Amino acid sequence: MKRLADPAPARADLTGTRIAVRRSTSGVAVDLRTDALAPRVLSTGAGGARVALVGARALLLGGDAVEVDVAVAAGCTLDLVEVAGTVAYDGRGAAASWSVRVSLGEGARLRWHGEPFVVSAGADVRRSLDVDLAAGAVACLRETLVLGRSGERGGRLLNRTRVRLAGRPLLVEDLDLRDAALRASPAVLGEARVVDAVSLLGARAEPPGEFGDVLQLAGPGTLARHLGGRAHDSPLPAVWRRWSAPAR
């Protein structure tokens, strides 16, 4: 394996944390760049790598703008793990953002098991996920959003998702939880404060018998979601174990 510390970005407009996996003469190369998050290589194999994301400083504070860029070259695999959850703290009037860009080449695979993202009372967060899948690429993503720490109703959150497959839209979604009164509506979250989700993108999953409440996309993709009061009560770990297999 060849590892490059803080490589030059592939495009001039890229900033923030970067993880890129590509083929090399010795197997795979993992290019890393540290910013608010520090990527650490855990292991490598013939065609892929397992990488951990570690906080490089206190996160997430008002005024922070975290950016993460993930690129997996054709035929390569990346297993991305987070060692701890993230807490968005009271920004005292200042908003924060968390932006992720993912690019998968032909036949590439990505597994990203995210840990809980907690939006504390007083926080104002804008999260975005942009995924570009080439033909034959598959991504399996776990995302757990928690509104408030213990005893809190939580702050403001706008969660934006855009997924494209071979240049065409696969999933376009905005989850707007900025208005506390609106999100308490039975048509939105009701009394729930946890939104847990597993997304299989680029392939279609059969609904698991123990959790049949899933959404099949018009293209190759399946979403499973759970609304609840506590993150550890979610039934989605079993769904993740089953659905993440095609992304290995």
C-alpha atoms as a PDB file:
ATOM      1  CA  MET A   1       0.000   0.000   0.000  1.00  0.00           C
ATOM      2  CA  LYS A   2       1.156   3.509  -0.762  1.00  0.00           C
ATOM      3  CA  ARG A   3      -0.159   6.159   1.584  1.00  0.00           C
ATOM      4  CA  LEU A   4       0.154   9.854   0.806  1.00  0.00           C
ATOM      5  CA  ALA A   5      -0.160  12.352   3.654  1.00  0.00           C
ATOM      6  CA  ASP A   6      -2.045  15.534   2.787  1.00  0.00           C
ATOM      7  CA  PRO A   7      -1.976  15.100  -1.012  1.00  0.00           C
ATOM      8  CA  ALA A   8      -2.851  17.860  -3.418  1.00  0.00           C
ATOM      9  CA  PRO A   9      -6.614  17.843  -4.072  1.00  0.00           C
ATOM     10  CA  ALA A  10      -7.929  16.450  -7.312  1.00  0.00           C
ATOM     11  CA  ARG A  11      -9.844  19.670  -7.983  1.00  0.00           C
ATOM     12  CA  ALA A  12      -8.930  23.180  -6.985  1.00  0.00           C
ATOM     13  CA  ASP A  13     -12.309  23.796  -5.359  1.00  0.00           C
ATOM     14  CA  LEU A  14     -11.995  20.950  -2.854  1.00  0.00           C
ATOM     15  CA  THR A  15     -11.371  21.776   0.772  1.00  0.00           C
ATOM     16  CA  GLY A  16     -11.740  19.938   4.050  1.00  0.00           C
ATOM     17  CA  THR A  17     -11.193  16.283   4.857  1.00  0.00           C
ATOM     18  CA  ARG A  18     -10.511  13.948   1.939  1.00  0.00           C
ATOM     19  CA  ILE A  19     -10.368  10.164   1.573  1.00  0.00           C
ATOM     20  CA  ALA A  20      -9.556   8.723  -1.850  1.00  0.00           C
ATOM     21  CA  VAL A  21      -8.983   5.064  -2.723  1.00  0.00           C
ATOM     22  CA  ARG A  22      -7.433   4.102  -6.063  1.00  0.00           C
ATOM     23  CA  ARG A  23      -5.522   1.309  -7.726  1.00  0.00           C
ATOM     24  CA  SER A  24      -1.726   1.316  -7.567  1.00  0.00           C
ATOM     25  CA  THR A  25       1.044  -0.980  -8.741  1.00  0.00           C
ATOM     26  CA  SER A  26       1.223  -2.463  -5.238  1.00  0.00           C
ATOM     27  CA  GLY A  27      -2.547  -2.926  -4.844  1.00  0.00           C
ATOM     28  CA  VAL A  28      -4.381   0.166  -3.611  1.00  0.00           C
ATOM     29  CA  ALA A  29      -3.326   3.662  -2.626  1.00  0.00           C
ATOM     30  CA  VAL A  30      -5.179   5.638   0.029  1.00  0.00           C
ATOM     31  CA  ASP A  31      -4.834   9.411  -0.230  1.00  0.00           C
ATOM     32  CA  LEU A  32      -5.765  11.321   2.915  1.00  0.00           C
ATOM     33  CA  ARG A  33      -6.183  14.937   3.895  1.00  0.00           C
ATOM     34  CA  THR A  34      -6.975  16.070   7.453  1.00  0.00           C
ATOM     35  CA  ASP A  35      -9.123  19.036   8.373  1.00  0.00           C
ATOM     36  CA  ALA A  36     -11.884  19.055  11.012  1.00  0.00           C
ATOM     37  CA  LEU A  37     -11.876  15.253  10.739  1.00  0.00           C
ATOM     38  CA  ALA A  38      -8.740  13.132  10.626  1.00  0.00           C
ATOM     39  CA  PRO A  39      -8.928   9.964   8.476  1.00  0.00           C
ATOM     40  CA  ARG A  40      -6.839   7.015   9.666  1.00  0.00           C
ATOM     41  CA  VAL A  41      -6.164   3.843   7.658  1.00  0.00           C
ATOM     42  CA  LEU A  42      -7.152   0.748   9.641  1.00  0.00           C
ATOM     43  CA  SER A  43      -6.390  -1.889   7.027  1.00  0.00           C
ATOM     44  CA  THR A  44      -5.986  -2.482   3.294  1.00  0.00           C
ATOM     45  CA  GLY A  45      -6.565  -5.389   0.972  1.00  0.00           C
ATOM     46  CA  ALA A  46      -6.088  -6.258  -2.665  1.00  0.00           C
ATOM     47  CA  GLY A  47      -8.704  -3.807  -3.894  1.00  0.00           C
ATOM     48  CA  GLY A  48      -9.846  -1.719  -0.984  1.00  0.00           C
ATOM     49  CA  ALA A  49      -9.328  -0.154   2.406  1.00  0.00           C
ATOM     50  CA  ARG A  50     -10.937   0.346   5.801  1.00  0.00           C
ATOM     51  CA  VAL A  51     -10.603   3.910   7.109  1.00  0.00           C
ATOM     52  CA  ALA A  52     -11.695   5.530  10.388  1.00  0.00           C
ATOM     53  CA  LEU A  53     -12.821   9.140  10.801  1.00  0.00           C
ATOM     54  CA  VAL A  54     -11.604  10.783  14.002  1.00  0.00           C
ATOM     55  CA  GLY A  55     -12.433  14.293  15.197  1.00  0.00           C
ATOM     56  CA  ALA A  56      -9.327  16.501  14.921  1.00  0.00           C
ATOM     57  CA  ARG A  57     -10.837  19.213  17.119  1.00  0.00           C
ATOM     58  CA  ALA A  58     -13.981  20.058  19.066  1.00  0.00           C
ATOM     59  CA  LEU A  59     -17.067  19.619  16.888  1.00  0.00           C
ATOM     60  CA  LEU A  60     -19.612  20.953  16.020  1.00  0.00           C
ATOM     61  CA  LEU A  61     -19.587  24.596  17.107  1.00  0.00           C
ATOM     62  CA  GLY A  62     -21.427  27.633  15.789  1.00  0.00           C
ATOM     63  CA  GLY A  63     -19.702  28.944  12.679  1.00  0.00           C
ATOM     64  CA  ASP A  64     -18.060  25.589  11.826  1.00  0.00           C
ATOM     65  CA  ALA A  65     -18.147  24.449   8.197  1.00  0.00           C
ATOM     66  CA  VAL A  66     -17.110  20.792   8.021  1.00  0.00           C
ATOM     67  CA  GLU A  67     -16.464  19.378   4.546  1.00  0.00           C
ATOM     68  CA  VAL A  68     -15.724  15.752   3.704  1.00  0.00           C
ATOM     69  CA  ASP A  69     -14.818  14.486   0.232  1.00  0.00           C
ATOM     70  CA  VAL A  70     -14.830  10.736  -0.471  1.00  0.00           C
ATOM     71  CA  ALA A  71     -13.661   9.275  -3.787  1.00  0.00           C
ATOM     72  CA  VAL A  72     -13.478   5.564  -4.604  1.00  0.00           C
ATOM     73  CA  ALA A  73     -11.982   4.679  -7.974  1.00  0.00           C
ATOM     74  CA  ALA A  74     -13.420   2.100 -10.353  1.00  0.00           C
ATOM     75  CA  GLY A  75     -13.334  -1.428  -8.966  1.00  0.00           C
ATOM     76  CA  CYS A  76     -12.148  -0.346  -5.502  1.00  0.00           C
ATOM     77  CA  THR A  77     -13.889  -0.624  -2.136  1.00  0.00           C
ATOM     78  CA  LEU A  78     -13.924   1.580   0.961  1.00  0.00           C
ATOM     79  CA  ASP A  79     -15.274   0.710   4.395  1.00  0.00           C
ATOM     80  CA  LEU A  80     -15.591   4.006   6.276  1.00  0.00           C
ATOM     81  CA  VAL A  81     -16.256   3.987  10.018  1.00  0.00           C
ATOM     82  CA  GLU A  82     -16.730   6.686  12.642  1.00  0.00           C
ATOM     83  CA  VAL A  83     -15.175   6.082  16.047  1.00  0.00           C
ATOM     84  CA  ALA A  84     -17.609   8.383  17.889  1.00  0.00           C
ATOM     85  CA  GLY A  85     -20.793  10.344  17.376  1.00  0.00           C
ATOM     86  CA  THR A  86     -20.928  14.080  16.711  1.00  0.00           C
ATOM     87  CA  VAL A  87     -22.639  16.680  18.868  1.00  0.00           C
ATOM     88  CA  ALA A  88     -23.702  20.018  17.378  1.00  0.00           C
ATOM     89  CA  TYR A  89     -23.576  22.428  20.323  1.00  0.00           C
ATOM     90  CA  ASP A  90     -25.522  25.614  20.981  1.00  0.00           C
ATOM     91  CA  GLY A  91     -24.144  28.009  18.376  1.00  0.00           C
ATOM     92  CA  ARG A  92     -25.278  31.123  20.267  1.00  0.00           C
ATOM     93  CA  GLY A  93     -26.923  32.450  17.102  1.00  0.00           C
ATOM     94  CA  ALA A  94     -24.302  31.160  14.647  1.00  0.00           C
ATOM     95  CA  ALA A  95     -25.183  28.358  12.221  1.00  0.00           C
ATOM     96  CA  ALA A  96     -22.921  25.403  11.367  1.00  0.00           C
ATOM     97  CA  SER A  97     -22.713  23.175   8.313  1.00  0.00           C
ATOM     98  CA  TRP A  98     -21.699  19.578   7.604  1.00  0.00           C
ATOM     99  CA  SER A  99     -21.188  18.799   3.893  1.00  0.00           C
ATOM    100  CA  VAL A 100     -20.255  15.423   2.401  1.00  0.00           C
ATOM    101  CA  ARG A 101     -19.414  14.710  -1.250  1.00  0.00           C
ATOM    102  CA  VAL A 102     -19.072  11.127  -2.465  1.00  0.00           C
ATOM    103  CA  SER A 103     -17.892   9.936  -5.880  1.00  0.00           C
ATOM    104  CA  LEU A 104     -17.811   6.234  -6.820  1.00  0.00           C
ATOM    105  CA  GLY A 105     -16.304   4.968 -10.063  1.00  0.00           C
ATOM    106  CA  GLU A 106     -17.622   2.043 -12.095  1.00  0.00           C
ATOM    107  CA  GLY A 107     -18.139  -1.009  -9.926  1.00  0.00           C
ATOM    108  CA  ALA A 108     -16.845   0.772  -6.804  1.00  0.00           C
ATOM    109  CA  ARG A 109     -18.212  -0.059  -3.350  1.00  0.00           C
ATOM    110  CA  LEU A 110     -18.686   2.124  -0.258  1.00  0.00           C
ATOM    111  CA  ARG A 111     -19.869   1.121   3.227  1.00  0.00           C
ATOM    112  CA  TRP A 112     -20.202   4.056   5.644  1.00  0.00           C
ATOM    113  CA  HIS A 113     -21.610   3.355   9.093  1.00  0.00           C
ATOM    114  CA  GLY A 114     -22.232   6.778  10.618  1.00  0.00           C
ATOM    115  CA  GLU A 115     -22.513   7.209  14.373  1.00  0.00           C
ATOM    116  CA  PRO A 116     -25.311   9.361  15.933  1.00  0.00           C
ATOM    117  CA  PHE A 117     -25.339  13.036  14.974  1.00  0.00           C
ATOM    118  CA  VAL A 118     -26.876  14.959  17.899  1.00  0.00           C
ATOM    119  CA  VAL A 119     -28.364  18.431  17.388  1.00  0.00           C
ATOM    120  CA  SER A 120     -28.355  20.115  20.802  1.00  0.00           C
ATOM    121  CA  ALA A 121     -30.785  22.806  21.889  1.00  0.00           C
ATOM    122  CA  GLY A 122     -29.659  26.113  20.391  1.00  0.00           C
ATOM    123  CA  ALA A 123     -27.794  24.512  17.482  1.00  0.00           C
ATOM    124  CA  ASP A 124     -28.600  25.489  13.891  1.00  0.00           C
ATOM    125  CA  VAL A 125     -27.207  22.913  11.464  1.00  0.00           C
ATOM    126  CA  ARG A 126     -27.327  22.437   7.717  1.00  0.00           C
ATOM    127  CA  ARG A 127     -26.243  18.988   6.577  1.00  0.00           C
ATOM    128  CA  SER A 128     -25.828  17.959   2.963  1.00  0.00           C
ATOM    129  CA  LEU A 129     -24.937  14.699   1.240  1.00  0.00           C
ATOM    130  CA  ASP A 130     -24.118  14.616  -2.484  1.00  0.00           C
ATOM    131  CA  VAL A 131     -23.430  11.185  -3.994  1.00  0.00           C
ATOM    132  CA  ASP A 132     -22.384  10.455  -7.588  1.00  0.00           C
ATOM    133  CA  LEU A 133     -22.503   6.782  -8.584  1.00  0.00           C
ATOM    134  CA  ALA A 134     -21.048   5.510 -11.834  1.00  0.00           C
ATOM    135  CA  ALA A 135     -22.557   2.433 -13.502  1.00  0.00           C
ATOM    136  CA  GLY A 136     -22.351  -0.621 -11.280  1.00  0.00           C
ATOM    137  CA  ALA A 137     -21.329   1.303  -8.153  1.00  0.00           C
ATOM    138  CA  VAL A 138     -23.033   0.531  -4.824  1.00  0.00           C
ATOM    139  CA  ALA A 139     -23.100   2.509  -1.562  1.00  0.00           C
ATOM    140  CA  CYS A 140     -24.623   1.483   1.758  1.00  0.00           C
ATOM    141  CA  LEU A 141     -24.949   4.308   4.285  1.00  0.00           C
ATOM    142  CA  ARG A 142     -26.120   4.427   7.917  1.00  0.00           C
ATOM    143  CA  GLU A 143     -27.267   7.798   9.285  1.00  0.00           C
ATOM    144  CA  THR A 144     -28.719   8.467  12.741  1.00  0.00           C
ATOM    145  CA  LEU A 145     -30.011  11.949  13.553  1.00  0.00           C
ATOM    146  CA  VAL A 146     -30.862  12.757  17.170  1.00  0.00           C
ATOM    147  CA  LEU A 147     -32.710  15.938  18.109  1.00  0.00           C
ATOM    148  CA  GLY A 148     -31.377  17.068  21.463  1.00  0.00           C
ATOM    149  CA  ARG A 149     -29.376  15.575  24.270  1.00  0.00           C
ATOM    150  CA  SER A 150     -31.159  14.054  27.251  1.00  0.00           C
ATOM    151  CA  GLY A 151     -34.023  16.299  28.339  1.00  0.00           C
ATOM    152  CA  GLU A 152     -33.750  18.600  25.284  1.00  0.00           C
ATOM    153  CA  ARG A 153     -36.070  19.116  22.322  1.00  0.00           C
ATOM    154  CA  GLY A 154     -33.089  19.781  20.075  1.00  0.00           C
ATOM    155  CA  GLY A 155     -32.088  22.589  17.772  1.00  0.00           C
ATOM    156  CA  ARG A 156     -32.672  23.414  14.121  1.00  0.00           C
ATOM    157  CA  LEU A 157     -31.708  20.965  11.372  1.00  0.00           C
ATOM    158  CA  LEU A 158     -31.965  20.995   7.589  1.00  0.00           C
ATOM    159  CA  ASN A 159     -30.814  17.682   6.085  1.00  0.00           C
ATOM    160  CA  ARG A 160     -30.348  17.690   2.296  1.00  0.00           C
ATOM    161  CA  THR A 161     -29.640  14.577   0.191  1.00  0.00           C
ATOM    162  CA  ARG A 162     -28.864  14.345  -3.539  1.00  0.00           C
ATOM    163  CA  VAL A 163     -27.908  11.033  -5.173  1.00  0.00           C
ATOM    164  CA  ARG A 164     -27.152  10.570  -8.864  1.00  0.00           C
ATOM    165  CA  LEU A 165     -26.612   7.306 -10.742  1.00  0.00           C
ATOM    166  CA  ALA A 166     -24.780   7.558 -14.067  1.00  0.00           C
ATOM    167  CA  GLY A 167     -25.546  11.285 -14.067  1.00  0.00           C
ATOM    168  CA  ARG A 168     -29.293  10.923 -13.481  1.00  0.00           C
ATOM    169  CA  PRO A 169     -31.170  11.668 -10.218  1.00  0.00           C
ATOM    170  CA  LEU A 170     -31.767   8.631  -8.010  1.00  0.00           C
ATOM    171  CA  LEU A 171     -32.776  10.342  -4.758  1.00  0.00           C
ATOM    172  CA  VAL A 172     -33.591  14.004  -4.078  1.00  0.00           C
ATOM    173  CA  GLU A 173     -34.751  14.769  -0.551  1.00  0.00           C
ATOM    174  CA  ASP A 174     -34.862  17.650   1.932  1.00  0.00           C
ATOM    175  CA  LEU A 175     -35.697  16.901   5.574  1.00  0.00           C
ATOM    176  CA  ASP A 176     -36.502  20.270   7.144  1.00  0.00           C
ATOM    177  CA  LEU A 177     -36.634  20.074  10.931  1.00  0.00           C
ATOM    178  CA  ARG A 178     -35.913  23.724  11.651  1.00  0.00           C
ATOM    179  CA  ASP A 179     -39.388  24.572  12.961  1.00  0.00           C
ATOM    180  CA  ALA A 180     -39.940  22.821  16.312  1.00  0.00           C
ATOM    181  CA  ALA A 181     -43.739  23.174  16.131  1.00  0.00           C
ATOM    182  CA  LEU A 182     -43.905  21.798  12.577  1.00  0.00           C
ATOM    183  CA  ARG A 183     -41.664  18.812  13.232  1.00  0.00           C
ATOM    184  CA  ALA A 184     -43.861  17.866  16.218  1.00  0.00           C
ATOM    185  CA  SER A 185     -46.737  17.335  13.786  1.00  0.00           C
ATOM    186  CA  PRO A 186     -47.834  13.669  13.426  1.00  0.00           C
ATOM    187  CA  ALA A 187     -47.159  14.096   9.707  1.00  0.00           C
ATOM    188  CA  VAL A 188     -43.458  14.794  10.400  1.00  0.00           C
ATOM    189  CA  LEU A 189     -41.881  13.352  13.581  1.00  0.00           C
ATOM    190  CA  GLY A 190     -44.599  13.573  16.192  1.00  0.00           C
ATOM    191  CA  GLU A 191     -43.002  12.791  19.545  1.00  0.00           C
ATOM    192  CA  ALA A 192     -39.975  11.068  17.990  1.00  0.00           C
ATOM    193  CA  ARG A 193     -36.558  12.663  18.379  1.00  0.00           C
ATOM    194  CA  VAL A 194     -34.471  10.061  16.522  1.00  0.00           C
ATOM    195  CA  VAL A 195     -34.431   9.568  12.745  1.00  0.00           C
ATOM    196  CA  ASP A 196     -32.449   6.437  11.934  1.00  0.00           C
ATOM    197  CA  ALA A 197     -31.852   5.386   8.324  1.00  0.00           C
ATOM    198  CA  VAL A 198     -30.069   2.794   6.214  1.00  0.00           C
ATOM    199  CA  SER A 199     -29.754   3.572   2.501  1.00  0.00           C
ATOM    200  CA  LEU A 200     -28.724   1.076  -0.172  1.00  0.00           C
ATOM    201  CA  LEU A 201     -27.901   3.020  -3.333  1.00  0.00           C
ATOM    202  CA  GLY A 202     -27.100   1.459  -6.699  1.00  0.00           C
ATOM    203  CA  ALA A 203     -28.759  -1.848  -5.767  1.00  0.00           C
ATOM    204  CA  ARG A 204     -32.198  -2.895  -4.585  1.00  0.00           C
ATOM    205  CA  ALA A 205     -32.759  -4.747  -1.311  1.00  0.00           C
ATOM    206  CA  GLU A 206     -35.575  -7.048  -0.354  1.00  0.00           C
ATOM    207  CA  PRO A 207     -37.460  -5.790   2.734  1.00  0.00           C
ATOM    208  CA  PRO A 208     -36.162  -7.693   5.769  1.00  0.00           C
ATOM    209  CA  GLY A 209     -38.802  -9.769   7.487  1.00  0.00           C
ATOM    210  CA  GLU A 210     -38.201  -8.150  10.872  1.00  0.00           C
ATOM    211  CA  PHE A 211     -38.450  -4.644   9.446  1.00  0.00           C
ATOM    212  CA  GLY A 212     -40.760  -4.291   6.466  1.00  0.00           C
ATOM    213  CA  ASP A 213     -41.227  -0.505   6.454  1.00  0.00           C
ATOM    214  CA  VAL A 214     -38.981   0.368   3.506  1.00  0.00           C
ATOM    215  CA  LEU A 215     -39.084   2.626   0.462  1.00  0.00           C
ATOM    216  CA  GLN A 216     -38.081   1.256  -2.922  1.00  0.00           C
ATOM    217  CA  LEU A 217     -36.738   4.014  -5.166  1.00  0.00           C
ATOM    218  CA  ALA A 218     -37.734   4.280  -8.830  1.00  0.00           C
ATOM    219  CA  GLY A 219     -34.178   3.263  -9.695  1.00  0.00           C
ATOM    220  CA  PRO A 220     -31.889   0.738  -7.991  1.00  0.00           C
ATOM    221  CA  GLY A 221     -32.048   1.809  -4.360  1.00  0.00           C
ATOM    222  CA  THR A 222     -33.856   1.039  -1.097  1.00  0.00           C
ATOM    223  CA  LEU A 223     -34.324   3.099   2.078  1.00  0.00           C
ATOM    224  CA  ALA A 224     -35.234   1.908   5.572  1.00  0.00           C
ATOM    225  CA  ARG A 225     -36.143   4.427   8.272  1.00  0.00           C
ATOM    226  CA  HIS A 226     -37.073   4.264  11.932  1.00  0.00           C
ATOM    227  CA  LEU A 227     -38.521   7.057  14.060  1.00  0.00           C
ATOM    228  CA  GLY A 228     -38.155   6.675  17.792  1.00  0.00           C
ATOM    229  CA  GLY A 229     -37.314   8.186  21.120  1.00  0.00           C
ATOM    230  CA  ARG A 230     -33.910   6.581  21.740  1.00  0.00           C
ATOM    231  CA  ALA A 231     -31.174   5.699  19.263  1.00  0.00           C
ATOM    232  CA  HIS A 232     -30.323   2.382  20.896  1.00  0.00           C
ATOM    233  CA  ASP A 233     -33.918   1.136  20.497  1.00  0.00           C
ATOM    234  CA  SER A 234     -33.699   1.203  16.693  1.00  0.00           C
ATOM    235  CA  PRO A 235     -34.149  -2.114  14.852  1.00  0.00           C
ATOM    236  CA  LEU A 236     -31.913  -0.970  11.986  1.00  0.00           C
ATOM    237  CA  PRO A 237     -28.604  -2.607  13.029  1.00  0.00           C
ATOM    238  CA  ALA A 238     -29.954  -5.894  11.654  1.00  0.00           C
ATOM    239  CA  VAL A 239     -30.953  -4.142   8.420  1.00  0.00           C
ATOM    240  CA  TRP A 240     -27.476  -2.640   8.129  1.00  0.00           C
ATOM    241  CA  ARG A 241     -25.788  -6.020   8.508  1.00  0.00           C
ATOM    242  CA  ARG A 242     -27.931  -7.493   5.738  1.00  0.00           C
ATOM    243  CA  TRP A 243     -27.936  -4.593   3.299  1.00  0.00           C
ATOM    244  CA  SER A 244     -24.279  -3.663   3.619  1.00  0.00           C
ATOM    245  CA  ALA A 245     -23.174  -7.031   2.237  1.00  0.00           C
ATOM    246  CA  PRO A 246     -23.580  -5.976  -1.455  1.00  0.00           C
ATOM    247  CA  ALA A 247     -21.305  -2.985  -0.779  1.00  0.00           C
ATOM    248  CA  ARG A 248     -18.359  -5.112   0.353  1.00  0.00           C
END
